[in-house]
Amino acid sequence: QVQLVESGGGVIQAGGSLRLSCAASGRTFSTYAMGWFRQAPGKEREFVAAITSRGFSTYYADSMNNRVAISRDNARNMMYLEMNSLKPEDTAVYYCARKFTSSNNYKSQRDYDDWGQGTQVTVSS
């Protein structure tokens, strides 16, 4: 089991930028893919972005329209999500998660097992 802790959330005005961080425990961080998901009030949790174990490939939700960038630093057991041009509809709790399957589907929550507690992002208009 991997423990994940998100940070970097907060209240930001529309149009602003934010960087979320995910700290992972354990010595095997570099061996598995990771992802970011979010859950807005009254909505189901949805995929945001994912990155392969060594960071060679990244995947994004179409709805993010190139406004986010996922990255990782395996030497520090860290993953990041850069978000730009934030909109009020980006308001949500953002979660990082570990992908435990070897499937090529990076967007399904069912392929992820360990989850962080989430960090709140609130975008004001």
N, C-alpha and C. Protein backbone atom coordinates (compact mmCIF):
# COMPACT_ATOMS: atom_id res chain seq x y z
N GLN A 1 0.84 -1.19 0.00
CA GLN A 1 0.00 0.00 0.00
C GLN A 1 0.87 1.24 0.00
N VAL A 2 0.43 2.24 -0.73
CA VAL A 2 1.16 3.50 -0.82
C VAL A 2 0.33 4.59 -0.17
N GLN A 3 0.97 5.40 0.61
CA GLN A 3 0.28 6.55 1.20
C GLN A 3 0.54 7.78 0.34
N LEU A 4 -0.53 8.49 0.03
CA LEU A 4 -0.46 9.66 -0.84
C LEU A 4 -1.02 10.87 -0.11
N VAL A 5 -0.32 11.99 -0.22
CA VAL A 5 -0.76 13.21 0.42
C VAL A 5 -0.70 14.36 -0.59
N GLU A 6 -1.86 14.94 -0.85
CA GLU A 6 -1.94 16.06 -1.77
C GLU A 6 -1.77 17.38 -1.02
N SER A 7 -1.29 18.37 -1.74
CA SER A 7 -1.17 19.72 -1.19
C SER A 7 -1.19 20.72 -2.33
N GLY A 8 -1.33 21.99 -1.97
CA GLY A 8 -1.26 23.04 -2.98
C GLY A 8 -2.60 23.65 -3.36
N GLY A 9 -3.67 23.09 -2.84
CA GLY A 9 -4.98 23.65 -3.15
C GLY A 9 -5.20 24.97 -2.44
N GLY A 10 -6.30 25.62 -2.79
CA GLY A 10 -6.63 26.89 -2.16
C GLY A 10 -7.69 27.62 -2.94
N VAL A 11 -7.85 28.89 -2.61
CA VAL A 11 -8.82 29.75 -3.30
C VAL A 11 -8.05 30.64 -4.26
N ILE A 12 -8.49 30.66 -5.50
CA ILE A 12 -7.80 31.44 -6.51
C ILE A 12 -8.82 32.06 -7.44
N GLN A 13 -8.49 33.21 -7.98
CA GLN A 13 -9.40 33.89 -8.90
C GLN A 13 -9.36 33.24 -10.28
N ALA A 14 -10.45 33.35 -10.97
CA ALA A 14 -10.54 32.83 -12.33
C ALA A 14 -9.42 33.42 -13.19
N GLY A 15 -8.84 32.57 -14.02
CA GLY A 15 -7.73 33.00 -14.86
C GLY A 15 -6.37 32.76 -14.25
N GLY A 16 -6.36 32.42 -12.98
CA GLY A 16 -5.09 32.20 -12.29
C GLY A 16 -4.53 30.81 -12.51
N SER A 17 -3.37 30.57 -11.88
CA SER A 17 -2.68 29.29 -12.02
C SER A 17 -2.42 28.71 -10.63
N LEU A 18 -2.28 27.39 -10.62
CA LEU A 18 -2.05 26.70 -9.36
C LEU A 18 -1.25 25.44 -9.65
N ARG A 19 -0.40 25.07 -8.71
CA ARG A 19 0.32 23.80 -8.84
C ARG A 19 0.00 22.92 -7.64
N LEU A 20 -0.54 21.77 -7.93
CA LEU A 20 -0.82 20.78 -6.89
C LEU A 20 0.33 19.80 -6.80
N SER A 21 0.57 19.32 -5.59
CA SER A 21 1.62 18.34 -5.36
C SER A 21 1.04 17.09 -4.73
N CYS A 22 1.68 15.98 -4.99
CA CYS A 22 1.28 14.70 -4.39
C CYS A 22 2.56 14.03 -3.90
N ALA A 23 2.64 13.82 -2.60
CA ALA A 23 3.79 13.14 -2.01
C ALA A 23 3.43 11.69 -1.75
N ALA A 24 4.31 10.79 -2.18
CA ALA A 24 4.05 9.36 -2.03
C ALA A 24 5.07 8.72 -1.10
N SER A 25 4.61 7.79 -0.32
CA SER A 25 5.50 7.04 0.56
C SER A 25 6.00 5.80 -0.15
N GLY A 26 7.02 5.18 0.38
CA GLY A 26 7.48 3.93 -0.19
C GLY A 26 8.61 4.10 -1.19
N ARG A 27 9.30 2.98 -1.43
CA ARG A 27 10.46 3.03 -2.31
C ARG A 27 10.16 2.58 -3.72
N THR A 28 8.91 2.29 -4.02
CA THR A 28 8.58 1.79 -5.34
C THR A 28 7.81 2.79 -6.20
N PHE A 29 7.86 4.04 -5.83
CA PHE A 29 7.09 5.08 -6.53
C PHE A 29 7.37 5.07 -8.03
N SER A 30 8.62 4.86 -8.40
CA SER A 30 8.99 4.94 -9.81
C SER A 30 8.52 3.75 -10.63
N THR A 31 7.89 2.78 -10.01
CA THR A 31 7.48 1.59 -10.73
C THR A 31 6.02 1.58 -11.17
N TYR A 32 5.27 2.61 -10.80
CA TYR A 32 3.87 2.59 -11.19
C TYR A 32 3.40 3.95 -11.71
N ALA A 33 2.39 3.87 -12.56
CA ALA A 33 1.78 5.09 -13.10
C ALA A 33 0.94 5.77 -12.03
N MET A 34 0.71 7.04 -12.23
CA MET A 34 -0.05 7.84 -11.27
C MET A 34 -1.08 8.68 -12.01
N GLY A 35 -2.08 9.10 -11.28
CA GLY A 35 -3.10 9.92 -11.91
C GLY A 35 -3.67 10.97 -10.98
N TRP A 36 -4.29 11.95 -11.58
CA TRP A 36 -5.04 12.99 -10.85
C TRP A 36 -6.51 12.87 -11.26
N PHE A 37 -7.37 12.96 -10.27
CA PHE A 37 -8.81 12.98 -10.48
C PHE A 37 -9.38 14.15 -9.69
N ARG A 38 -10.61 14.50 -9.99
CA ARG A 38 -11.25 15.57 -9.22
C ARG A 38 -12.73 15.27 -9.05
N GLN A 39 -13.28 15.84 -8.00
CA GLN A 39 -14.71 15.68 -7.74
C GLN A 39 -15.30 17.01 -7.34
N ALA A 40 -16.18 17.50 -8.18
CA ALA A 40 -16.87 18.75 -7.91
C ALA A 40 -18.12 18.47 -7.05
N PRO A 41 -18.61 19.49 -6.36
CA PRO A 41 -19.80 19.29 -5.53
C PRO A 41 -20.96 18.75 -6.34
N GLY A 42 -21.57 17.67 -5.85
CA GLY A 42 -22.72 17.10 -6.51
C GLY A 42 -22.43 16.32 -7.77
N LYS A 43 -21.16 16.11 -8.07
CA LYS A 43 -20.79 15.38 -9.29
C LYS A 43 -19.92 14.18 -8.95
N GLU A 44 -19.82 13.28 -9.91
CA GLU A 44 -18.97 12.12 -9.72
C GLU A 44 -17.50 12.51 -9.92
N ARG A 45 -16.64 11.71 -9.32
CA ARG A 45 -15.22 11.94 -9.51
C ARG A 45 -14.85 11.65 -10.95
N GLU A 46 -13.99 12.51 -11.51
CA GLU A 46 -13.63 12.38 -12.91
C GLU A 46 -12.12 12.45 -13.11
N PHE A 47 -11.69 11.86 -14.19
CA PHE A 47 -10.27 11.84 -14.54
C PHE A 47 -9.79 13.22 -14.97
N VAL A 48 -8.56 13.56 -14.58
CA VAL A 48 -7.96 14.82 -15.00
C VAL A 48 -6.72 14.54 -15.85
N ALA A 49 -5.78 13.78 -15.29
CA ALA A 49 -4.52 13.53 -15.99
C ALA A 49 -3.83 12.30 -15.40
N ALA A 50 -2.94 11.71 -16.18
CA ALA A 50 -2.17 10.56 -15.71
C ALA A 50 -0.79 10.59 -16.33
N ILE A 51 0.13 9.91 -15.68
CA ILE A 51 1.51 9.87 -16.15
C ILE A 51 2.07 8.48 -15.91
N THR A 52 2.84 7.97 -16.86
CA THR A 52 3.41 6.65 -16.72
C THR A 52 4.53 6.65 -15.68
N SER A 53 5.00 5.47 -15.36
CA SER A 53 5.91 5.32 -14.22
C SER A 53 7.17 6.16 -14.33
N ARG A 54 7.74 6.25 -15.52
CA ARG A 54 8.96 7.04 -15.67
C ARG A 54 8.69 8.42 -16.26
N GLY A 55 7.41 8.72 -16.47
CA GLY A 55 7.05 10.03 -16.98
C GLY A 55 7.18 10.20 -18.47
N PHE A 56 7.35 9.10 -19.20
CA PHE A 56 7.56 9.22 -20.65
C PHE A 56 6.27 9.55 -21.38
N SER A 57 5.14 9.16 -20.81
CA SER A 57 3.86 9.41 -21.46
C SER A 57 2.89 10.05 -20.48
N THR A 58 2.07 10.95 -21.01
CA THR A 58 1.05 11.61 -20.20
C THR A 58 -0.29 11.53 -20.91
N TYR A 59 -1.36 11.60 -20.14
CA TYR A 59 -2.71 11.50 -20.66
C TYR A 59 -3.55 12.56 -19.97
N TYR A 60 -4.46 13.17 -20.73
CA TYR A 60 -5.28 14.25 -20.19
C TYR A 60 -6.74 14.08 -20.58
N ALA A 61 -7.59 14.57 -19.71
CA ALA A 61 -9.01 14.62 -20.04
C ALA A 61 -9.22 15.67 -21.13
N ASP A 62 -10.05 15.35 -22.07
CA ASP A 62 -10.32 16.30 -23.16
C ASP A 62 -10.87 17.61 -22.63
N SER A 63 -11.59 17.54 -21.55
CA SER A 63 -12.24 18.73 -21.00
C SER A 63 -11.25 19.75 -20.45
N MET A 64 -10.01 19.33 -20.22
CA MET A 64 -9.05 20.25 -19.64
C MET A 64 -8.46 21.17 -20.69
N ASN A 65 -8.64 20.86 -21.98
CA ASN A 65 -8.27 21.76 -23.07
C ASN A 65 -6.85 22.31 -22.94
N ASN A 66 -5.93 21.45 -22.66
CA ASN A 66 -4.52 21.83 -22.60
C ASN A 66 -4.21 22.86 -21.52
N ARG A 67 -5.03 22.93 -20.51
CA ARG A 67 -4.79 23.89 -19.42
C ARG A 67 -4.03 23.28 -18.26
N VAL A 68 -3.76 21.99 -18.31
CA VAL A 68 -3.06 21.34 -17.21
C VAL A 68 -1.83 20.59 -17.74
N ALA A 69 -0.88 20.39 -16.84
CA ALA A 69 0.31 19.62 -17.18
C ALA A 69 0.69 18.77 -15.97
N ILE A 70 0.83 17.48 -16.20
CA ILE A 70 1.20 16.55 -15.13
C ILE A 70 2.68 16.23 -15.26
N SER A 71 3.33 16.08 -14.12
CA SER A 71 4.75 15.72 -14.12
C SER A 71 5.06 14.96 -12.84
N ARG A 72 6.24 14.38 -12.80
CA ARG A 72 6.64 13.64 -11.60
C ARG A 72 8.14 13.73 -11.41
N ASP A 73 8.55 13.59 -10.17
CA ASP A 73 9.96 13.57 -9.81
C ASP A 73 10.17 12.30 -9.00
N ASN A 74 10.62 11.25 -9.66
CA ASN A 74 10.76 9.96 -8.98
C ASN A 74 11.82 9.97 -7.89
N ALA A 75 12.80 10.82 -8.03
CA ALA A 75 13.85 10.88 -7.01
C ALA A 75 13.31 11.42 -5.69
N ARG A 76 12.24 12.19 -5.78
CA ARG A 76 11.64 12.77 -4.58
C ARG A 76 10.29 12.16 -4.23
N ASN A 77 9.87 11.16 -4.98
CA ASN A 77 8.56 10.55 -4.75
C ASN A 77 7.43 11.59 -4.82
N MET A 78 7.50 12.44 -5.82
CA MET A 78 6.53 13.52 -5.95
C MET A 78 5.88 13.52 -7.33
N MET A 79 4.63 13.94 -7.36
CA MET A 79 3.93 14.16 -8.60
C MET A 79 3.27 15.54 -8.52
N TYR A 80 3.10 16.16 -9.70
CA TYR A 80 2.58 17.52 -9.73
C TYR A 80 1.49 17.67 -10.78
N LEU A 81 0.66 18.68 -10.56
CA LEU A 81 -0.34 19.05 -11.56
C LEU A 81 -0.34 20.56 -11.66
N GLU A 82 0.13 21.06 -12.79
CA GLU A 82 0.10 22.49 -13.07
C GLU A 82 -1.22 22.81 -13.76
N MET A 83 -1.93 23.79 -13.23
CA MET A 83 -3.21 24.17 -13.81
C MET A 83 -3.18 25.66 -14.15
N ASN A 84 -3.58 25.99 -15.34
CA ASN A 84 -3.58 27.37 -15.81
C ASN A 84 -4.97 27.78 -16.28
N SER A 85 -5.14 29.09 -16.41
CA SER A 85 -6.42 29.63 -16.90
C SER A 85 -7.60 28.99 -16.17
N LEU A 86 -7.51 28.97 -14.86
CA LEU A 86 -8.53 28.29 -14.07
C LEU A 86 -9.89 28.96 -14.21
N LYS A 87 -10.93 28.13 -14.17
CA LYS A 87 -12.30 28.59 -14.31
C LYS A 87 -13.09 28.19 -13.07
N PRO A 88 -14.18 28.86 -12.79
CA PRO A 88 -15.00 28.46 -11.64
C PRO A 88 -15.43 27.00 -11.70
N GLU A 89 -15.62 26.47 -12.90
CA GLU A 89 -16.02 25.07 -13.02
C GLU A 89 -14.89 24.09 -12.70
N ASP A 90 -13.70 24.60 -12.48
CA ASP A 90 -12.59 23.75 -12.03
C ASP A 90 -12.62 23.54 -10.51
N THR A 91 -13.52 24.22 -9.85
CA THR A 91 -13.67 24.05 -8.42
C THR A 91 -14.02 22.61 -8.08
N ALA A 92 -13.18 21.99 -7.24
CA ALA A 92 -13.36 20.58 -6.92
C ALA A 92 -12.33 20.17 -5.89
N VAL A 93 -12.50 18.99 -5.36
CA VAL A 93 -11.46 18.35 -4.57
C VAL A 93 -10.62 17.53 -5.54
N TYR A 94 -9.32 17.74 -5.51
CA TYR A 94 -8.42 17.05 -6.42
C TYR A 94 -7.68 15.94 -5.67
N TYR A 95 -7.67 14.76 -6.29
CA TYR A 95 -7.08 13.58 -5.67
C TYR A 95 -5.94 13.04 -6.54
N CYS A 96 -4.91 12.57 -5.90
CA CYS A 96 -3.91 11.80 -6.64
C CYS A 96 -4.12 10.32 -6.29
N ALA A 97 -3.74 9.46 -7.22
CA ALA A 97 -3.98 8.04 -7.04
C ALA A 97 -2.91 7.22 -7.76
N ARG A 98 -2.71 6.01 -7.25
CA ARG A 98 -1.75 5.09 -7.83
C ARG A 98 -2.46 4.11 -8.75
N LYS A 99 -1.94 3.96 -9.95
CA LYS A 99 -2.51 3.01 -10.90
C LYS A 99 -1.89 1.64 -10.64
N PHE A 100 -2.71 0.66 -10.30
CA PHE A 100 -2.17 -0.64 -9.96
C PHE A 100 -2.27 -1.65 -11.09
N THR A 101 -2.98 -1.31 -12.15
CA THR A 101 -3.09 -2.25 -13.25
C THR A 101 -2.09 -1.91 -14.35
N SER A 102 -1.86 -2.86 -15.22
CA SER A 102 -0.95 -2.65 -16.34
C SER A 102 -1.72 -2.36 -17.62
N SER A 103 -3.00 -2.10 -17.50
CA SER A 103 -3.80 -1.82 -18.69
C SER A 103 -3.39 -0.51 -19.33
N ASN A 104 -3.83 -0.33 -20.56
CA ASN A 104 -3.55 0.92 -21.27
C ASN A 104 -4.63 1.97 -21.04
N ASN A 105 -5.56 1.65 -20.15
CA ASN A 105 -6.61 2.60 -19.81
C ASN A 105 -6.18 3.38 -18.58
N TYR A 106 -5.87 4.64 -18.79
CA TYR A 106 -5.40 5.47 -17.69
C TYR A 106 -6.50 6.34 -17.11
N LYS A 107 -7.68 6.30 -17.71
CA LYS A 107 -8.73 7.24 -17.34
C LYS A 107 -9.80 6.65 -16.43
N SER A 108 -9.76 5.37 -16.17
CA SER A 108 -10.78 4.76 -15.34
C SER A 108 -10.34 4.66 -13.89
N GLN A 109 -11.22 5.05 -12.98
CA GLN A 109 -10.88 4.99 -11.56
C GLN A 109 -10.65 3.55 -11.11
N ARG A 110 -11.25 2.60 -11.82
CA ARG A 110 -11.13 1.20 -11.42
C ARG A 110 -9.70 0.68 -11.55
N ASP A 111 -8.86 1.39 -12.29
CA ASP A 111 -7.47 0.97 -12.45
C ASP A 111 -6.57 1.56 -11.36
N TYR A 112 -7.15 2.28 -10.43
CA TYR A 112 -6.39 2.92 -9.37
C TYR A 112 -6.84 2.39 -8.01
N ASP A 113 -5.89 2.18 -7.12
CA ASP A 113 -6.29 1.67 -5.82
C ASP A 113 -5.97 2.64 -4.69
N ASP A 114 -4.75 3.02 -4.48
CA ASP A 114 -4.42 3.92 -3.39
C ASP A 114 -4.74 5.37 -3.77
N TRP A 115 -5.44 6.04 -2.86
CA TRP A 115 -5.88 7.41 -3.09
C TRP A 115 -5.46 8.30 -1.92
N GLY A 116 -5.20 9.55 -2.25
CA GLY A 116 -4.95 10.52 -1.19
C GLY A 116 -6.27 11.04 -0.64
N GLN A 117 -6.15 11.93 0.34
CA GLN A 117 -7.35 12.51 0.97
C GLN A 117 -7.92 13.66 0.17
N GLY A 118 -7.17 14.17 -0.76
CA GLY A 118 -7.66 15.24 -1.60
C GLY A 118 -7.26 16.62 -1.11
N THR A 119 -7.22 17.56 -2.05
CA THR A 119 -6.95 18.96 -1.72
C THR A 119 -7.99 19.81 -2.45
N GLN A 120 -8.57 20.74 -1.73
CA GLN A 120 -9.65 21.56 -2.27
C GLN A 120 -9.11 22.69 -3.12
N VAL A 121 -9.66 22.82 -4.31
CA VAL A 121 -9.36 23.96 -5.19
C VAL A 121 -10.67 24.71 -5.41
N THR A 122 -10.66 25.97 -5.09
CA THR A 122 -11.84 26.81 -5.27
C THR A 122 -11.47 27.98 -6.17
N VAL A 123 -12.16 28.09 -7.29
CA VAL A 123 -11.89 29.16 -8.24
C VAL A 123 -13.04 30.16 -8.18
N SER A 124 -12.73 31.37 -7.81
CA SER A 124 -13.76 32.39 -7.68
C SER A 124 -13.85 33.20 -8.96
N SER A 125 -15.06 33.62 -9.27
CA SER A 125 -15.29 34.40 -10.52
C SER A 125 -15.13 35.88 -10.28
